[in-house]
Protein backbone atom coordinates (compact mmCIF):
# COMPACT_ATOMS: atom_id res chain seq x y z
CA MET A 1 18.63 106.00 0.26
CA ALA A 2 17.30 103.99 3.21
CA GLY A 3 13.83 104.04 1.68
CA LEU A 4 15.18 102.51 -1.54
CA GLU A 5 17.27 99.92 0.26
CA THR A 6 14.60 98.64 2.61
CA TRP A 7 11.97 97.81 0.00
CA PRO A 8 13.03 96.25 -3.32
CA ALA A 9 11.61 96.63 -6.82
CA PHE A 10 11.42 94.07 -9.61
CA HIS A 11 13.59 96.28 -11.78
CA GLU A 12 15.97 99.05 -10.75
CA GLU A 13 18.27 100.97 -13.06
CA TRP A 14 20.44 104.04 -12.64
CA TYR A 15 20.79 106.65 -15.39
CA GLY A 16 23.41 108.97 -13.99
CA HIS A 17 21.90 110.34 -10.79
CA TRP A 18 18.38 109.23 -11.74
CA VAL A 19 17.10 105.93 -10.32
CA PHE A 20 14.30 104.08 -12.12
CA ARG A 21 12.17 101.49 -10.38
CA SER A 22 9.28 99.25 -11.42
CA ALA A 23 7.30 96.76 -9.36
CA GLY A 24 4.27 95.79 -11.38
CA GLY A 25 2.40 98.98 -10.51
CA MET A 26 2.47 98.37 -6.73
CA THR A 27 2.83 101.81 -5.11
CA ARG A 28 4.14 104.85 -6.94
CA ARG A 29 7.33 104.90 -4.88
CA ASN A 30 8.30 101.57 -6.44
CA ASN A 31 7.12 102.54 -9.91
CA SER A 32 8.71 105.90 -10.57
CA VAL A 33 11.94 107.68 -11.36
CA THR A 34 13.67 109.69 -8.64
CA PRO A 35 16.07 112.30 -10.08
CA MET A 36 18.78 113.04 -7.50
CA GLY A 37 20.82 115.46 -9.57
CA GLU A 38 21.32 116.70 -13.08
CA PRO A 39 20.82 114.11 -15.88
CA LEU A 40 23.60 112.77 -18.05
CA THR A 41 22.15 114.54 -21.09
CA ASP A 42 19.89 117.48 -21.96
CA LEU A 43 16.88 117.54 -19.64
CA ASP A 44 14.33 116.98 -22.41
CA VAL A 45 16.35 114.05 -23.75
CA ALA A 46 16.45 112.58 -20.26
CA ILE A 47 12.66 112.88 -19.95
CA ASP A 48 12.26 111.17 -23.33
CA TRP A 49 14.55 108.38 -22.12
CA ALA A 50 12.51 108.05 -18.92
CA GLU A 51 9.22 107.81 -20.79
CA ALA A 52 10.67 105.11 -23.06
CA TRP A 53 11.94 103.19 -20.01
CA PHE A 54 8.50 103.15 -18.40
CA ASP A 55 6.89 102.16 -21.69
CA ASP A 56 9.28 99.20 -21.93
CA HIS A 57 8.22 98.12 -18.42
CA GLY A 58 4.50 98.50 -19.10
CA ILE A 59 3.74 101.19 -16.54
CA PRO A 60 2.88 104.90 -16.89
CA PRO A 61 5.73 107.38 -16.38
CA ILE A 62 5.79 108.87 -12.88
CA PHE A 63 8.41 111.28 -11.57
CA ARG A 64 9.12 111.37 -7.83
CA LEU A 65 10.66 114.76 -7.10
CA THR A 66 12.62 115.74 -4.00
CA GLU A 67 14.71 118.84 -3.37
CA LEU A 68 17.55 117.09 -5.22
CA ALA A 69 15.69 117.17 -8.56
CA PRO A 70 16.98 119.56 -11.26
CA PRO A 71 15.36 122.98 -10.70
CA ASN A 72 13.87 123.17 -14.22
CA LEU A 73 12.38 119.68 -14.21
CA ARG A 74 9.00 120.68 -12.78
CA LYS A 75 8.55 123.32 -15.49
CA ARG A 76 9.52 120.88 -18.25
CA LEU A 77 7.12 118.22 -16.97
CA SER A 78 4.27 120.73 -16.72
CA GLU A 79 4.88 121.68 -20.35
CA ARG A 80 4.41 118.00 -21.22
CA THR A 81 0.98 117.95 -19.45
CA TYR A 82 2.28 116.30 -16.27
CA GLU A 83 0.50 117.41 -13.12
CA ARG A 84 1.76 117.58 -9.57
CA THR A 85 -0.05 115.13 -7.31
CA ASP A 86 0.31 113.97 -3.71
CA THR A 87 3.00 115.39 -1.45
CA THR A 88 4.63 113.00 0.99
CA LEU A 89 6.41 113.92 4.22
CA VAL A 90 9.49 111.94 5.25
CA MET A 91 9.58 111.95 9.04
CA THR A 92 12.35 110.72 11.33
CA ARG A 93 13.19 110.37 15.01
CA SER A 94 15.95 108.86 17.07
CA THR A 95 15.18 105.30 18.09
CA GLU A 96 15.11 104.70 21.81
CA VAL A 97 14.02 101.78 23.91
CA GLY A 98 10.27 101.50 23.39
CA HIS A 99 7.33 99.61 24.79
CA PHE A 100 6.34 96.16 23.58
CA ASP A 101 2.57 95.85 23.68
CA PRO A 102 1.50 92.33 24.74
CA ASN A 103 -1.24 92.31 22.10
CA VAL A 104 1.12 93.23 19.25
CA LEU A 105 2.88 90.21 17.80
CA VAL A 106 6.02 90.73 15.71
CA SER A 107 7.21 88.01 13.37
CA GLU A 108 9.80 87.66 10.62
CA GLU A 109 7.13 86.83 8.04
CA PRO A 110 3.66 88.37 7.63
CA THR A 111 0.75 86.08 8.51
CA ARG A 112 -2.21 85.50 6.21
CA GLU A 113 -4.27 87.83 8.40
CA TRP A 114 -1.57 90.52 8.11
CA ARG A 115 -1.68 90.23 4.32
CA ASP A 116 -5.48 90.25 4.29
CA LEU A 117 -5.63 93.57 6.14
CA LEU A 118 -2.91 95.07 3.95
CA VAL A 119 -4.90 94.51 0.74
CA ALA A 120 -8.36 95.05 2.20
CA ASP A 121 -10.42 97.73 0.37
CA ARG A 122 -7.92 97.95 -2.52
CA PRO A 123 -9.55 97.94 -5.99
CA LEU A 124 -7.02 95.41 -7.31
CA ALA A 125 -6.47 93.47 -4.10
CA SER A 126 -5.42 90.16 -5.69
CA GLU A 127 -2.89 91.82 -8.01
CA PHE A 128 -1.53 93.97 -5.18
CA ARG A 129 -1.14 90.93 -2.94
CA ALA A 130 0.65 88.96 -5.66
CA SER A 131 3.08 91.83 -6.23
CA PHE A 132 3.65 92.19 -2.49
CA ASP A 133 4.45 88.49 -2.15
CA GLU A 134 6.89 88.67 -5.07
CA LEU A 135 8.63 91.72 -3.61
CA LEU A 136 8.79 90.06 -0.20
CA ALA A 137 10.62 87.14 -1.78
CA LEU A 138 13.20 89.59 -3.15
CA ALA A 139 13.76 91.37 0.17
CA CYS A 140 17.15 90.67 1.71
CA LEU A 141 17.09 92.94 4.78
CA PRO A 142 15.62 91.79 8.12
CA SER A 143 12.05 92.90 8.79
CA GLY A 144 9.54 92.70 11.58
CA PHE A 145 5.83 92.41 10.78
CA ALA A 146 3.68 93.70 13.64
CA GLU A 147 0.09 92.59 14.10
CA LEU A 148 -2.22 93.84 16.84
CA VAL A 149 -4.77 91.15 17.66
CA VAL A 150 -7.88 91.79 19.74
CA GLY A 151 -10.38 89.04 20.43
CA GLY A 152 -8.64 86.81 17.92
CA THR A 153 -9.00 89.37 15.10
CA THR A 154 -6.25 91.45 13.51
CA ARG A 155 -7.03 95.13 14.10
CA ALA A 156 -3.81 96.87 12.99
CA ILE A 157 -0.54 96.07 11.23
CA GLY A 158 2.82 97.63 10.46
CA GLN A 159 6.25 96.73 9.16
CA VAL A 160 9.78 97.79 10.08
CA THR A 161 12.85 96.94 7.99
CA MET A 162 16.43 97.37 9.16
CA SER A 163 19.30 98.81 7.14
CA ALA A 164 22.39 98.82 9.38
CA SER A 165 21.53 101.20 12.26
CA PHE A 166 18.59 102.73 10.35
CA ALA A 167 15.00 101.49 10.55
CA VAL A 168 12.18 102.25 8.12
CA ILE A 169 8.54 101.81 9.11
CA PHE A 170 5.86 101.33 6.46
CA ASN A 171 2.65 99.44 5.66
CA MET A 172 0.95 100.90 8.73
CA LYS A 173 -2.77 100.17 8.53
CA THR A 174 -5.71 99.89 10.91
CA ASP A 175 -8.97 98.06 10.20
CA PRO A 176 -11.25 100.92 9.03
CA ALA A 177 -14.00 99.74 11.41
CA HIS A 178 -11.67 100.15 14.40
CA ARG A 179 -9.85 103.40 13.75
CA ARG A 180 -9.41 105.99 16.50
CA SER A 181 -9.09 103.18 19.04
CA GLY A 182 -5.40 103.69 19.76
CA TYR A 183 -4.41 100.58 17.82
CA ALA A 184 -2.05 102.37 15.45
CA ALA A 185 -0.19 104.02 18.36
CA ARG A 186 0.25 100.66 20.09
CA THR A 187 1.50 99.05 16.89
CA LEU A 188 3.91 101.92 16.25
CA ALA A 189 5.31 101.75 19.78
CA THR A 190 6.04 98.06 19.38
CA LEU A 191 7.70 98.58 16.00
CA LEU A 192 9.96 101.22 17.56
CA ALA A 193 10.82 98.87 20.41
CA HIS A 194 11.56 96.10 17.94
CA ALA A 195 13.86 98.39 15.95
CA SER A 196 15.64 99.61 19.09
CA ALA A 197 16.21 96.06 20.30
CA ARG A 198 17.95 95.33 17.00
CA GLY A 199 20.31 98.28 17.20
CA ALA A 200 18.51 100.97 15.21
CA LYS A 201 19.67 104.50 16.05
CA GLU A 202 17.22 106.37 13.81
CA THR A 203 13.80 105.52 12.39
CA MET A 204 12.08 106.88 9.29
CA LEU A 205 8.55 106.71 7.93
CA GLN A 206 6.56 108.39 5.17
CA VAL A 207 3.07 109.87 5.22
CA GLN A 208 0.97 111.93 2.81
CA ASP A 209 0.70 115.55 3.85
CA ASP A 210 -3.13 115.44 3.88
CA ASN A 211 -3.28 112.45 6.25
CA HIS A 212 -3.67 114.63 9.32
CA PRO A 213 -4.58 111.87 11.83
CA ALA A 214 -1.44 109.91 10.91
CA ILE A 215 0.76 113.02 11.03
CA SER A 216 -0.62 113.81 14.48
CA LEU A 217 0.10 110.26 15.64
CA TYR A 218 3.66 110.31 14.35
CA SER A 219 4.33 113.79 15.75
CA GLN A 220 3.13 112.69 19.18
CA ALA A 221 5.51 109.74 18.88
CA GLY A 222 8.42 112.16 18.39
CA PHE A 223 8.76 112.16 14.59
CA THR A 224 9.59 115.41 12.80
CA THR A 225 9.62 116.17 9.08
CA ARG A 226 13.06 115.76 7.50
CA TYR A 227 12.04 116.56 3.91
CA GLU A 228 9.18 116.09 1.49
CA TYR A 229 8.63 114.93 -2.07
CA CYS A 230 5.85 114.98 -4.62
CA TYR A 231 4.87 113.13 -7.78
CA TYR A 232 4.40 114.38 -11.30
CA GLN A 233 2.28 112.28 -13.63
CA ARG A 234 -0.11 112.73 -16.49
CA PRO A 235 -3.83 112.79 -15.65
CA ARG A 236 -5.74 109.64 -16.41
CA LEU A 237 -8.19 109.81 -19.30
CA GLY A 238 -11.83 108.91 -18.86
């Protein structure tokens, strides 16, 4: 639940134990349904209801499936031509006093340079940035936006959001021209220190299972996999 609480969506609706979220197409996690138990009705009826909900919100239907999803849901979705896509690992570690890097600045609001790096190399950068700014305006939990600056240029960024004694780290990104320079590790260490200083006892982050450099970084920082989830969606035409 911490992942849902720490980053809002434009629309969120519960249908029994299924939570629906839409955020203008920005990230699948914020534009999908997460079934966390059996539906209120027959499974096929619930899928029909889900597809109608996404159609009403102008986004394609995407199912985010964890171990809490009904056991027959994967089979039903496959029969409807949905395909399993990326698997994401949810990693956690206890939050201890960390190290603040002098070159990593942490502020309550992201700077223009932070936003620029976040959307860099995205096909729909302007739309993504607009959605991010709208979601940021909806956020009600305290966040820290980390920015590693070298020679006056932003090289890496990250974000940590607090939910009681739980911290969630996301939006980790390094300038592609400066990867493998240790910048991500320095940014992560500062985010952990920031979370610890604000009372966090445990920290969570998410990473795709094929992002081996990031998984190695997080493992070295003491994170271990708590659980994983995957997406089911229909293949795009053309």
